[in-house]
């Protein structure tokens, strides 16, 4: 009987000293892992916010640079067009006196053929001067040595009175705008004739 009482007493003692739930070895390990994860979460969130902020800043900077580039391109196009318009207006302004001269010639009473020719020559000289102010020059021809860069040979004439490849006659004037060729001069050039040979004229196709 004494033995049974002792066993009952030990069971009651064990029940009274049981540990609360969650305080055994397994519970402590889970709490430690949760603590580490909770500490890492704020750090990761801060890095993500900084990355987003840097990305937004770069996007804003790129947008500003694109806008500045587009404004610069439009400004350059506008300035180029303004320069062209200014140059064209100056060229047209220099032509207006010639138009005035033609109008006066048409309004003038009938005159002799010689007087009419004289008036046309004056207007042509006025037109030539206006073009010269714009940089237009005439290609030299008569007496010059043939230059394929500015001359176009229409005919080759054998002659003993001129040097080989010398320009004998100008058939159509050529013009240059400063150093740029606008139109070559059409010319007739010479080929030195040997003694005793017959003169010959040959056209160039």
Protein backbone atom coordinates (compact mmCIF):
# COMPACT_ATOMS: atom_id res chain seq x y z
CA UNK A 1 0.00 0.00 0.00
CA UNK A 2 2.84 2.35 0.73
CA UNK A 3 4.24 1.72 -2.74
CA UNK A 4 1.03 2.71 -4.43
CA UNK A 5 0.79 5.99 -2.59
CA UNK A 6 4.31 6.87 -3.62
CA UNK A 7 3.53 6.24 -7.30
CA UNK A 8 0.43 8.42 -7.11
CA UNK A 9 2.41 11.18 -5.46
CA UNK A 10 5.08 11.11 -8.20
CA UNK A 11 2.49 11.29 -10.98
CA UNK A 12 0.87 14.31 -9.37
CA UNK A 13 4.27 15.95 -9.02
CA UNK A 14 5.10 15.41 -12.69
CA UNK A 15 1.80 16.88 -13.80
CA UNK A 16 2.27 19.93 -11.65
CA UNK A 17 5.74 20.63 -13.05
CA UNK A 18 5.02 20.26 -16.79
CA UNK A 19 6.51 23.08 -18.94
CA UNK A 20 4.13 25.53 -20.63
CA UNK A 21 3.50 25.00 -24.35
CA UNK A 22 5.99 26.65 -26.69
CA UNK A 23 8.86 26.78 -24.20
CA UNK A 24 10.53 23.52 -25.10
CA UNK A 25 13.62 23.26 -27.35
CA UNK A 26 11.66 23.35 -30.62
CA UNK A 27 9.80 26.55 -29.79
CA UNK A 28 12.99 28.41 -28.96
CA UNK A 29 14.50 27.51 -32.40
CA UNK A 30 11.47 28.82 -34.26
CA UNK A 31 11.54 32.09 -32.32
CA UNK A 32 15.21 32.56 -33.22
CA UNK A 33 14.54 31.99 -36.94
CA UNK A 34 11.62 34.39 -36.88
CA UNK A 35 13.82 37.01 -35.23
CA UNK A 36 16.48 36.73 -37.98
CA UNK A 37 13.86 36.98 -40.77
CA UNK A 38 12.23 40.00 -39.16
CA UNK A 39 15.63 41.71 -38.95
CA UNK A 40 16.47 41.06 -42.61
CA UNK A 41 13.09 42.28 -44.00
CA UNK A 42 13.57 46.00 -43.16
CA UNK A 43 17.06 45.96 -44.72
CA UNK A 44 15.81 44.39 -47.97
CA UNK A 45 12.92 46.84 -48.12
CA UNK A 46 15.31 49.78 -47.75
CA UNK A 47 17.54 48.57 -50.60
CA UNK A 48 14.51 48.19 -52.86
CA UNK A 49 13.32 51.72 -52.09
CA UNK A 50 16.77 53.16 -52.85
CA UNK A 51 16.94 51.22 -56.15
CA UNK A 52 13.50 52.52 -57.15
CA UNK A 53 14.51 56.07 -56.27
CA UNK A 54 17.70 55.84 -58.36
CA UNK A 55 15.75 54.36 -61.29
CA UNK A 56 13.20 57.19 -61.15
CA UNK A 57 15.99 59.78 -61.01
CA UNK A 58 17.70 58.28 -64.07
CA UNK A 59 14.42 58.17 -65.99
CA UNK A 60 13.73 61.83 -65.18
CA UNK A 61 17.23 62.80 -66.27
CA UNK A 62 16.86 60.87 -69.53
CA UNK A 63 13.53 62.57 -70.22
CA UNK A 64 15.10 66.01 -69.66
CA UNK A 65 18.02 65.20 -71.97
CA UNK A 66 15.65 63.98 -74.68
CA UNK A 67 13.61 67.16 -74.39
CA UNK A 68 16.73 69.35 -74.57
CA UNK A 69 17.99 67.45 -77.63
CA UNK A 70 14.65 67.81 -79.41
CA UNK A 71 14.53 71.53 -78.63
CA UNK A 72 18.09 71.98 -79.94
CA UNK A 73 17.24 70.10 -83.15
CA UNK A 74 14.14 72.20 -83.77
CA UNK A 75 16.08 75.39 -83.07
CA UNK A 76 18.82 74.40 -85.54
CA UNK A 77 16.25 73.60 -88.24
CA UNK A 78 14.48 76.91 -87.63
CA UNK A 79 17.72 78.91 -87.76
CA UNK A 80 18.79 77.13 -90.95
CA UNK A 81 15.46 77.92 -92.61
CA UNK A 82 15.67 81.54 -91.47
CA UNK A 83 19.14 81.82 -93.00
CA UNK A 84 17.90 80.38 -96.29
CA UNK A 85 14.95 82.76 -96.33
CA UNK A 86 17.23 85.70 -95.63
CA UNK A 87 19.64 84.73 -98.42
CA UNK A 88 16.74 84.24 -100.84
CA UNK A 89 15.19 87.57 -99.90
CA UNK A 90 18.49 89.36 -100.51
CA UNK A 91 18.84 87.68 -103.91
CA UNK A 92 15.30 88.60 -104.91
CA UNK A 93 15.76 92.15 -103.67
CA UNK A 94 18.75 92.58 -105.99
CA UNK A 95 16.58 91.48 -108.95
CA UNK A 96 13.80 93.99 -108.36
CA UNK A 97 15.56 96.92 -110.10
CA UNK A 98 15.87 94.76 -113.23
CA UNK A 99 12.15 94.07 -113.15
CA UNK A 100 11.53 97.81 -112.76
CA UNK A 101 13.70 98.50 -115.81
CA UNK A 102 11.75 95.99 -117.89
CA UNK A 103 8.47 97.55 -116.79
CA UNK A 104 9.69 101.02 -117.80
CA UNK A 105 10.89 99.67 -121.15
CA UNK A 106 7.45 98.21 -121.85
CA UNK A 107 5.71 101.46 -120.87
CA UNK A 108 8.01 103.63 -123.00
CA UNK A 109 6.71 104.90 -126.37
CA UNK A 110 7.79 103.20 -129.58
CA UNK A 111 11.39 103.88 -130.52
CA UNK A 112 13.93 102.92 -133.14
CA UNK A 113 15.46 99.48 -133.29
CA UNK A 114 18.82 100.89 -132.25
CA UNK A 115 17.33 102.58 -129.22
CA UNK A 116 15.51 99.39 -128.27
CA UNK A 117 18.74 97.41 -128.54
CA UNK A 118 20.57 99.94 -126.41
CA UNK A 119 17.91 99.66 -123.71
CA UNK A 120 18.12 95.85 -123.73
CA UNK A 121 21.90 96.03 -123.36
CA UNK A 122 21.58 98.33 -120.35
CA UNK A 123 19.09 95.98 -118.69
CA UNK A 124 21.35 93.01 -119.37
CA UNK A 125 24.30 94.82 -117.81
CA UNK A 126 22.16 95.60 -114.80
CA UNK A 127 21.18 91.94 -114.50
CA UNK A 128 24.80 90.82 -114.86
CA UNK A 129 25.90 93.19 -112.08
CA UNK A 130 23.19 91.88 -109.77
CA UNK A 131 24.31 88.29 -110.36
CA UNK A 132 27.94 89.25 -109.80
CA UNK A 133 27.02 90.61 -106.36
CA UNK A 134 25.62 87.18 -105.52
CA UNK A 135 28.95 85.54 -106.44
CA UNK A 136 28.21 84.52 -110.02
CA UNK A 137 31.17 84.70 -112.42
CA UNK A 138 31.56 83.85 -116.08
CA UNK A 139 33.87 81.05 -117.20
CA UNK A 140 36.67 82.53 -119.35
CA UNK A 141 36.77 81.05 -122.84
CA UNK A 142 38.14 82.83 -125.90
CA UNK A 143 41.92 82.48 -126.15
CA UNK A 144 42.10 80.19 -123.10
CA UNK A 145 43.47 76.67 -123.15
CA UNK A 146 40.72 74.08 -123.16
CA UNK A 147 39.93 72.91 -119.62
CA UNK A 148 37.57 69.91 -119.41
CA UNK A 149 36.60 70.92 -115.88
CA UNK A 150 34.87 74.10 -117.08
CA UNK A 151 34.69 73.74 -120.87
CA UNK A 152 32.65 71.46 -123.10
CA UNK A 153 34.11 71.02 -126.59
CA UNK A 154 31.39 71.05 -129.22
CA UNK A 155 33.68 71.22 -132.24
CA UNK A 156 37.38 70.77 -133.04
CA UNK A 157 38.75 72.89 -135.87
CA UNK A 158 42.09 72.35 -137.57
CA UNK A 159 43.92 75.63 -137.97
CA UNK A 160 47.46 76.95 -138.28
CA UNK A 161 46.67 80.23 -136.53
CA UNK A 162 46.11 78.83 -133.03
CA UNK A 163 47.71 76.43 -130.58
CA UNK A 164 46.43 72.95 -129.87
CA UNK A 165 43.41 72.92 -127.55
CA UNK A 166 43.04 76.68 -127.66
CA UNK A 167 39.48 77.95 -127.41
CA UNK A 168 38.55 79.63 -130.67
CA UNK A 169 34.95 80.56 -130.05
CA UNK A 170 32.36 80.52 -127.31
CA UNK A 171 29.04 78.99 -128.30
CA UNK A 172 27.33 79.23 -124.92
CA UNK A 173 28.53 80.95 -121.78
CA UNK A 174 29.45 78.99 -118.69
CA UNK A 175 29.00 80.21 -115.12
CA UNK A 176 30.42 79.51 -111.67
CA UNK A 177 29.05 80.38 -108.26
CA UNK A 178 32.24 81.23 -106.43
CA UNK A 179 34.21 77.94 -106.76
CA UNK A 180 31.27 75.75 -107.83
CA UNK A 181 30.60 75.19 -111.51
CA UNK A 182 26.98 75.81 -112.42
CA UNK A 183 27.27 75.22 -116.15
CA UNK A 184 30.26 74.50 -118.40
CA UNK A 185 30.94 76.76 -121.35
CA UNK A 186 30.29 75.26 -124.78
CA UNK A 187 33.26 76.10 -127.00
CA UNK A 188 34.94 75.43 -130.31
CA UNK A 189 38.62 74.51 -129.89
CA UNK A 190 41.62 74.36 -132.22
CA UNK A 191 43.85 71.54 -133.35
CA UNK A 192 47.19 72.54 -134.81
CA UNK A 193 47.21 71.82 -138.52
CA UNK A 194 50.33 70.35 -140.03
CA UNK A 195 51.82 72.05 -143.06
CA UNK A 196 50.34 70.88 -146.34
CA UNK A 197 47.22 69.30 -144.79
CA UNK A 198 43.70 70.43 -145.61
CA UNK A 199 41.61 72.19 -142.94
CA UNK A 200 39.00 70.04 -141.26
CA UNK A 201 36.23 70.72 -138.83
CA UNK A 202 34.93 67.91 -136.62
CA UNK A 203 32.03 68.04 -134.19
CA UNK A 204 32.18 66.30 -130.81
CA UNK A 205 29.17 64.19 -129.95
